[in-house]
């Protein structure tokens, strides 16, 4: 069973990846893709908050 540090590490990696994809979708004006990615972004952000991760430096989108 993974501990909180392992979960946080994996979630941070996923969060950064989703942000990259969201930036690309925004630049390409892919509104439907962006909207779907945003759902995952919000879920990951909520999980990181529960884990006590400070999002100040890693949340590039600030949504």
PDB file of N, CA and C in Angstrom:
ATOM      1  N   UNK A   1       0.852  -1.177   0.000  1.00  0.00           N
ATOM      2  CA  UNK A   1       0.000   0.000   0.000  1.00  0.00           C
ATOM      3  C   UNK A   1       0.899   1.243   0.000  1.00  0.00           C
ATOM      4  N   UNK A   2       0.665   2.160  -0.932  1.00  0.00           N
ATOM      5  CA  UNK A   2       1.513   3.364  -0.993  1.00  0.00           C
ATOM      6  C   UNK A   2       1.253   4.298   0.188  1.00  0.00           C
ATOM      7  N   UNK A   3       2.312   4.965   0.606  1.00  0.00           N
ATOM      8  CA  UNK A   3       2.154   5.935   1.692  1.00  0.00           C
ATOM      9  C   UNK A   3       1.840   7.307   1.103  1.00  0.00           C
ATOM     10  N   UNK A   4       1.585   8.282   1.965  1.00  0.00           N
ATOM     11  CA  UNK A   4       1.198   9.616   1.501  1.00  0.00           C
ATOM     12  C   UNK A   4       2.263  10.264   0.624  1.00  0.00           C
ATOM     13  N   UNK A   5       3.537  10.042   0.944  1.00  0.00           N
ATOM     14  CA  UNK A   5       4.615  10.635   0.149  1.00  0.00           C
ATOM     15  C   UNK A   5       4.605  10.081  -1.279  1.00  0.00           C
ATOM     16  N   UNK A   6       4.387   8.785  -1.411  1.00  0.00           N
ATOM     17  CA  UNK A   6       4.330   8.170  -2.746  1.00  0.00           C
ATOM     18  C   UNK A   6       3.110   8.658  -3.519  1.00  0.00           C
ATOM     19  N   UNK A   7       1.983   8.749  -2.834  1.00  0.00           N
ATOM     20  CA  UNK A   7       0.760   9.241  -3.473  1.00  0.00           C
ATOM     21  C   UNK A   7       0.952  10.684  -3.912  1.00  0.00           C
ATOM     22  N   UNK A   8       1.538  11.511  -3.064  1.00  0.00           N
ATOM     23  CA  UNK A   8       1.779  12.919  -3.398  1.00  0.00           C
ATOM     24  C   UNK A   8       2.706  13.029  -4.590  1.00  0.00           C
ATOM     25  N   UNK A   9       3.776  12.250  -4.615  1.00  0.00           N
ATOM     26  CA  UNK A   9       4.736  12.290  -5.722  1.00  0.00           C
ATOM     27  C   UNK A   9       4.054  11.963  -7.053  1.00  0.00           C
ATOM     28  N   UNK A  10       3.302  10.883  -7.070  1.00  0.00           N
ATOM     29  CA  UNK A  10       2.597  10.468  -8.289  1.00  0.00           C
ATOM     30  C   UNK A  10       1.565  11.511  -8.703  1.00  0.00           C
ATOM     31  N   UNK A  11       0.838  12.032  -7.735  1.00  0.00           N
ATOM     32  CA  UNK A  11      -0.200  13.024  -8.031  1.00  0.00           C
ATOM     33  C   UNK A  11       0.408  14.322  -8.545  1.00  0.00           C
ATOM     34  N   UNK A  12       1.537  14.739  -7.990  1.00  0.00           N
ATOM     35  CA  UNK A  12       2.220  15.943  -8.476  1.00  0.00           C
ATOM     36  C   UNK A  12       2.664  15.751  -9.927  1.00  0.00           C
ATOM     37  N   UNK A  13       3.198  14.593 -10.232  1.00  0.00           N
ATOM     38  CA  UNK A  13       3.609  14.308 -11.613  1.00  0.00           C
ATOM     39  C   UNK A  13       2.413  14.355 -12.554  1.00  0.00           C
ATOM     40  N   UNK A  14       1.308  13.743 -12.148  1.00  0.00           N
ATOM     41  CA  UNK A  14       0.086  13.763 -12.961  1.00  0.00           C
ATOM     42  C   UNK A  14      -0.440  15.186 -13.119  1.00  0.00           C
ATOM     43  N   UNK A  15      -0.380  15.957 -12.040  1.00  0.00           N
ATOM     44  CA  UNK A  15      -0.859  17.345 -12.049  1.00  0.00           C
ATOM     45  C   UNK A  15      -0.060  18.184 -13.044  1.00  0.00           C
ATOM     46  N   UNK A  16       1.244  18.035 -13.023  1.00  0.00           N
ATOM     47  CA  UNK A  16       2.091  18.780 -13.968  1.00  0.00           C
ATOM     48  C   UNK A  16       1.805  18.373 -15.410  1.00  0.00           C
ATOM     49  N   UNK A  17       1.611  17.083 -15.626  1.00  0.00           N
ATOM     50  CA  UNK A  17       1.319  16.590 -16.975  1.00  0.00           C
ATOM     51  C   UNK A  17      -0.013  17.152 -17.486  1.00  0.00           C
ATOM     52  N   UNK A  18      -1.040  17.114 -16.648  1.00  0.00           N
ATOM     53  CA  UNK A  18      -2.349  17.649 -17.032  1.00  0.00           C
ATOM     54  C   UNK A  18      -2.240  19.130 -17.368  1.00  0.00           C
ATOM     55  N   UNK A  19      -1.467  19.876 -16.593  1.00  0.00           N
ATOM     56  CA  UNK A  19      -1.290  21.301 -16.863  1.00  0.00           C
ATOM     57  C   UNK A  19      -0.640  21.535 -18.227  1.00  0.00           C
ATOM     58  N   UNK A  20       0.337  20.703 -18.572  1.00  0.00           N
ATOM     59  CA  UNK A  20       0.977  20.826 -19.907  1.00  0.00           C
ATOM     60  C   UNK A  20      -0.046  20.598 -21.000  1.00  0.00           C
ATOM     61  N   UNK A  21      -0.839  19.548 -20.850  1.00  0.00           N
ATOM     62  CA  UNK A  21      -1.853  19.244 -21.857  1.00  0.00           C
ATOM     63  C   UNK A  21      -2.915  20.337 -21.941  1.00  0.00           C
ATOM     64  N   UNK A  22      -3.281  20.895 -20.788  1.00  0.00           N
ATOM     65  CA  UNK A  22      -4.262  21.974 -20.792  1.00  0.00           C
ATOM     66  C   UNK A  22      -3.718  23.204 -21.512  1.00  0.00           C
ATOM     67  N   UNK A  23      -2.451  23.512 -21.321  1.00  0.00           N
ATOM     68  CA  UNK A  23      -1.835  24.656 -22.001  1.00  0.00           C
ATOM     69  C   UNK A  23      -1.841  24.439 -23.508  1.00  0.00           C
ATOM     70  N   UNK A  24      -1.535  23.224 -23.928  1.00  0.00           N
ATOM     71  CA  UNK A  24      -1.548  22.916 -25.368  1.00  0.00           C
ATOM     72  C   UNK A  24      -2.968  23.039 -25.911  1.00  0.00           C
ATOM     73  N   UNK A  25      -3.923  22.452 -25.201  1.00  0.00           N
ATOM     74  CA  UNK A  25      -5.327  22.516 -25.645  1.00  0.00           C
ATOM     75  C   UNK A  25      -5.806  23.955 -25.726  1.00  0.00           C
ATOM     76  N   UNK A  26      -5.417  24.780 -24.751  1.00  0.00           N
ATOM     77  CA  UNK A  26      -5.803  26.192 -24.763  1.00  0.00           C
ATOM     78  C   UNK A  26      -5.193  26.903 -25.974  1.00  0.00           C
ATOM     79  N   UNK A  27      -3.910  26.658 -26.232  1.00  0.00           N
ATOM     80  CA  UNK A  27      -3.239  27.284 -27.374  1.00  0.00           C
ATOM     81  C   UNK A  27      -3.859  26.869 -28.704  1.00  0.00           C
ATOM     82  N   UNK A  28      -4.298  25.624 -28.775  1.00  0.00           N
ATOM     83  CA  UNK A  28      -4.910  25.108 -30.007  1.00  0.00           C
ATOM     84  C   UNK A  28      -6.406  25.411 -30.071  1.00  0.00           C
ATOM     85  N   UNK A  29      -6.917  26.064 -29.034  1.00  0.00           N
ATOM     86  CA  UNK A  29      -8.340  26.397 -28.940  1.00  0.00           C
ATOM     87  C   UNK A  29      -9.226  25.145 -29.009  1.00  0.00           C
ATOM     88  N   UNK A  30      -8.736  24.080 -28.378  1.00  0.00           N
ATOM     89  CA  UNK A  30      -9.469  22.813 -28.309  1.00  0.00           C
ATOM     90  C   UNK A  30     -10.335  22.845 -27.040  1.00  0.00           C
ATOM     91  N   UNK A  31     -11.466  23.509 -27.148  1.00  0.00           N
ATOM     92  CA  UNK A  31     -12.296  23.790 -25.980  1.00  0.00           C
ATOM     93  C   UNK A  31     -12.829  22.536 -25.289  1.00  0.00           C
ATOM     94  N   UNK A  32     -13.275  21.560 -26.061  1.00  0.00           N
ATOM     95  CA  UNK A  32     -13.813  20.335 -25.461  1.00  0.00           C
ATOM     96  C   UNK A  32     -12.705  19.552 -24.753  1.00  0.00           C
ATOM     97  N   UNK A  33     -11.560  19.473 -25.378  1.00  0.00           N
ATOM     98  CA  UNK A  33     -10.424  18.780 -24.765  1.00  0.00           C
ATOM     99  C   UNK A  33     -10.015  19.489 -23.490  1.00  0.00           C
ATOM    100  N   UNK A  34      -9.938  20.806 -23.530  1.00  0.00           N
ATOM    101  CA  UNK A  34      -9.570  21.600 -22.355  1.00  0.00           C
ATOM    102  C   UNK A  34     -10.555  21.351 -21.217  1.00  0.00           C
ATOM    103  N   UNK A  35     -11.833  21.330 -21.533  1.00  0.00           N
ATOM    104  CA  UNK A  35     -12.861  21.125 -20.512  1.00  0.00           C
ATOM    105  C   UNK A  35     -12.712  19.761 -19.841  1.00  0.00           C
ATOM    106  N   UNK A  36     -12.413  18.734 -20.608  1.00  0.00           N
ATOM    107  CA  UNK A  36     -12.229  17.405 -20.040  1.00  0.00           C
ATOM    108  C   UNK A  36     -10.965  17.343 -19.190  1.00  0.00           C
ATOM    109  N   UNK A  37      -9.904  17.962 -19.658  1.00  0.00           N
ATOM    110  CA  UNK A  37      -8.660  17.991 -18.893  1.00  0.00           C
ATOM    111  C   UNK A  37      -8.852  18.766 -17.590  1.00  0.00           C
ATOM    112  N   UNK A  38      -9.667  19.805 -17.632  1.00  0.00           N
ATOM    113  CA  UNK A  38      -9.902  20.619 -16.447  1.00  0.00           C
ATOM    114  C   UNK A  38     -10.578  19.806 -15.343  1.00  0.00           C
ATOM    115  N   UNK A  39     -11.435  18.872 -15.707  1.00  0.00           N
ATOM    116  CA  UNK A  39     -12.072  18.008 -14.713  1.00  0.00           C
ATOM    117  C   UNK A  39     -11.013  17.208 -13.963  1.00  0.00           C
ATOM    118  N   UNK A  40     -10.062  16.647 -14.695  1.00  0.00           N
ATOM    119  CA  UNK A  40      -8.980  15.887 -14.077  1.00  0.00           C
ATOM    120  C   UNK A  40      -8.093  16.814 -13.244  1.00  0.00           C
ATOM    121  N   UNK A  41      -7.817  17.999 -13.763  1.00  0.00           N
ATOM    122  CA  UNK A  41      -7.017  19.008 -13.065  1.00  0.00           C
ATOM    123  C   UNK A  41      -7.628  19.332 -11.701  1.00  0.00           C
ATOM    124  N   UNK A  42      -8.930  19.535 -11.665  1.00  0.00           N
ATOM    125  CA  UNK A  42      -9.620  19.881 -10.419  1.00  0.00           C
ATOM    126  C   UNK A  42      -9.547  18.714  -9.433  1.00  0.00           C
ATOM    127  N   UNK A  43      -9.719  17.499  -9.922  1.00  0.00           N
ATOM    128  CA  UNK A  43      -9.632  16.327  -9.045  1.00  0.00           C
ATOM    129  C   UNK A  43      -8.239  16.179  -8.448  1.00  0.00           C
ATOM    130  N   UNK A  44      -7.225  16.332  -9.286  1.00  0.00           N
ATOM    131  CA  UNK A  44      -5.853  16.227  -8.803  1.00  0.00           C
ATOM    132  C   UNK A  44      -5.531  17.339  -7.817  1.00  0.00           C
ATOM    133  N   UNK A  45      -5.998  18.528  -8.106  1.00  0.00           N
ATOM    134  CA  UNK A  45      -5.765  19.668  -7.226  1.00  0.00           C
ATOM    135  C   UNK A  45      -6.416  19.429  -5.863  1.00  0.00           C
ATOM    136  N   UNK A  46      -7.614  18.886  -5.856  1.00  0.00           N
ATOM    137  CA  UNK A  46      -8.304  18.582  -4.601  1.00  0.00           C
ATOM    138  C   UNK A  46      -7.534  17.533  -3.799  1.00  0.00           C
ATOM    139  N   UNK A  47      -7.056  16.495  -4.478  1.00  0.00           N
ATOM    140  CA  UNK A  47      -6.290  15.456  -3.798  1.00  0.00           C
ATOM    141  C   UNK A  47      -5.006  16.026  -3.201  1.00  0.00           C
ATOM    142  N   UNK A  48      -4.321  16.866  -3.958  1.00  0.00           N
ATOM    143  CA  UNK A  48      -3.094  17.484  -3.456  1.00  0.00           C
ATOM    144  C   UNK A  48      -3.381  18.367  -2.237  1.00  0.00           C
ATOM    145  N   UNK A  49      -4.495  19.065  -2.257  1.00  0.00           N
ATOM    146  CA  UNK A  49      -4.881  19.882  -1.093  1.00  0.00           C
ATOM    147  C   UNK A  49      -5.110  19.006   0.136  1.00  0.00           C
ATOM    148  N   UNK A  50      -5.785  17.879  -0.047  1.00  0.00           N
ATOM    149  CA  UNK A  50      -6.044  16.958   1.063  1.00  0.00           C
ATOM    150  C   UNK A  50      -4.727  16.411   1.613  1.00  0.00           C
ATOM    151  N   UNK A  51      -3.768  16.180   0.721  1.00  0.00           N
ATOM    152  CA  UNK A  51      -2.465  15.665   1.138  1.00  0.00           C
ATOM    153  C   UNK A  51      -1.583  16.748   1.759  1.00  0.00           C
ATOM    154  N   UNK A  52      -2.042  17.995   1.715  1.00  0.00           N
ATOM    155  CA  UNK A  52      -1.294  19.089   2.316  1.00  0.00           C
ATOM    156  C   UNK A  52      -0.180  19.643   1.450  1.00  0.00           C
ATOM    157  N   UNK A  53      -0.246  19.403   0.144  1.00  0.00           N
ATOM    158  CA  UNK A  53       0.779  19.896  -0.773  1.00  0.00           C
ATOM    159  C   UNK A  53       0.524  21.378  -1.059  1.00  0.00           C
ATOM    160  N   UNK A  54       1.553  22.187  -0.939  1.00  0.00           N
ATOM    161  CA  UNK A  54       1.468  23.612  -1.258  1.00  0.00           C
ATOM    162  C   UNK A  54       1.510  23.759  -2.782  1.00  0.00           C
ATOM    163  N   UNK A  55       0.440  24.267  -3.350  1.00  0.00           N
ATOM    164  CA  UNK A  55       0.330  24.368  -4.808  1.00  0.00           C
ATOM    165  C   UNK A  55       0.875  25.674  -5.373  1.00  0.00           C
ATOM    166  N   UNK A  56       1.336  26.548  -4.525  1.00  0.00           N
ATOM    167  CA  UNK A  56       1.781  27.871  -4.950  1.00  0.00           C
ATOM    168  C   UNK A  56       2.780  27.808  -6.101  1.00  0.00           C
ATOM    169  N   UNK A  57       3.763  26.947  -6.001  1.00  0.00           N
ATOM    170  CA  UNK A  57       4.813  26.887  -7.021  1.00  0.00           C
ATOM    171  C   UNK A  57       4.495  25.961  -8.186  1.00  0.00           C
ATOM    172  N   UNK A  58       3.646  24.976  -7.964  1.00  0.00           N
ATOM    173  CA  UNK A  58       3.427  24.000  -9.042  1.00  0.00           C
ATOM    174  C   UNK A  58       2.161  24.232  -9.856  1.00  0.00           C
ATOM    175  N   UNK A  59       1.259  25.066  -9.368  1.00  0.00           N
ATOM    176  CA  UNK A  59       0.021  25.327 -10.112  1.00  0.00           C
ATOM    177  C   UNK A  59       0.262  26.484 -11.071  1.00  0.00           C
ATOM    178  N   UNK A  60       0.596  26.142 -12.300  1.00  0.00           N
ATOM    179  CA  UNK A  60       0.901  27.159 -13.317  1.00  0.00           C
ATOM    180  C   UNK A  60      -0.348  27.831 -13.869  1.00  0.00           C
ATOM    181  N   UNK A  61      -1.477  27.133 -13.818  1.00  0.00           N
ATOM    182  CA  UNK A  61      -2.709  27.657 -14.420  1.00  0.00           C
ATOM    183  C   UNK A  61      -3.498  28.546 -13.469  1.00  0.00           C
ATOM    184  N   UNK A  62      -3.409  28.262 -12.187  1.00  0.00           N
ATOM    185  CA  UNK A  62      -4.097  29.053 -11.151  1.00  0.00           C
ATOM    186  C   UNK A  62      -5.601  29.132 -11.386  1.00  0.00           C
ATOM    187  N   UNK A  63      -6.204  28.017 -11.750  1.00  0.00           N
ATOM    188  CA  UNK A  63      -7.655  27.999 -11.980  1.00  0.00           C
ATOM    189  C   UNK A  63      -8.372  27.433 -10.789  1.00  0.00           C
TER     190      UNK A  63
END
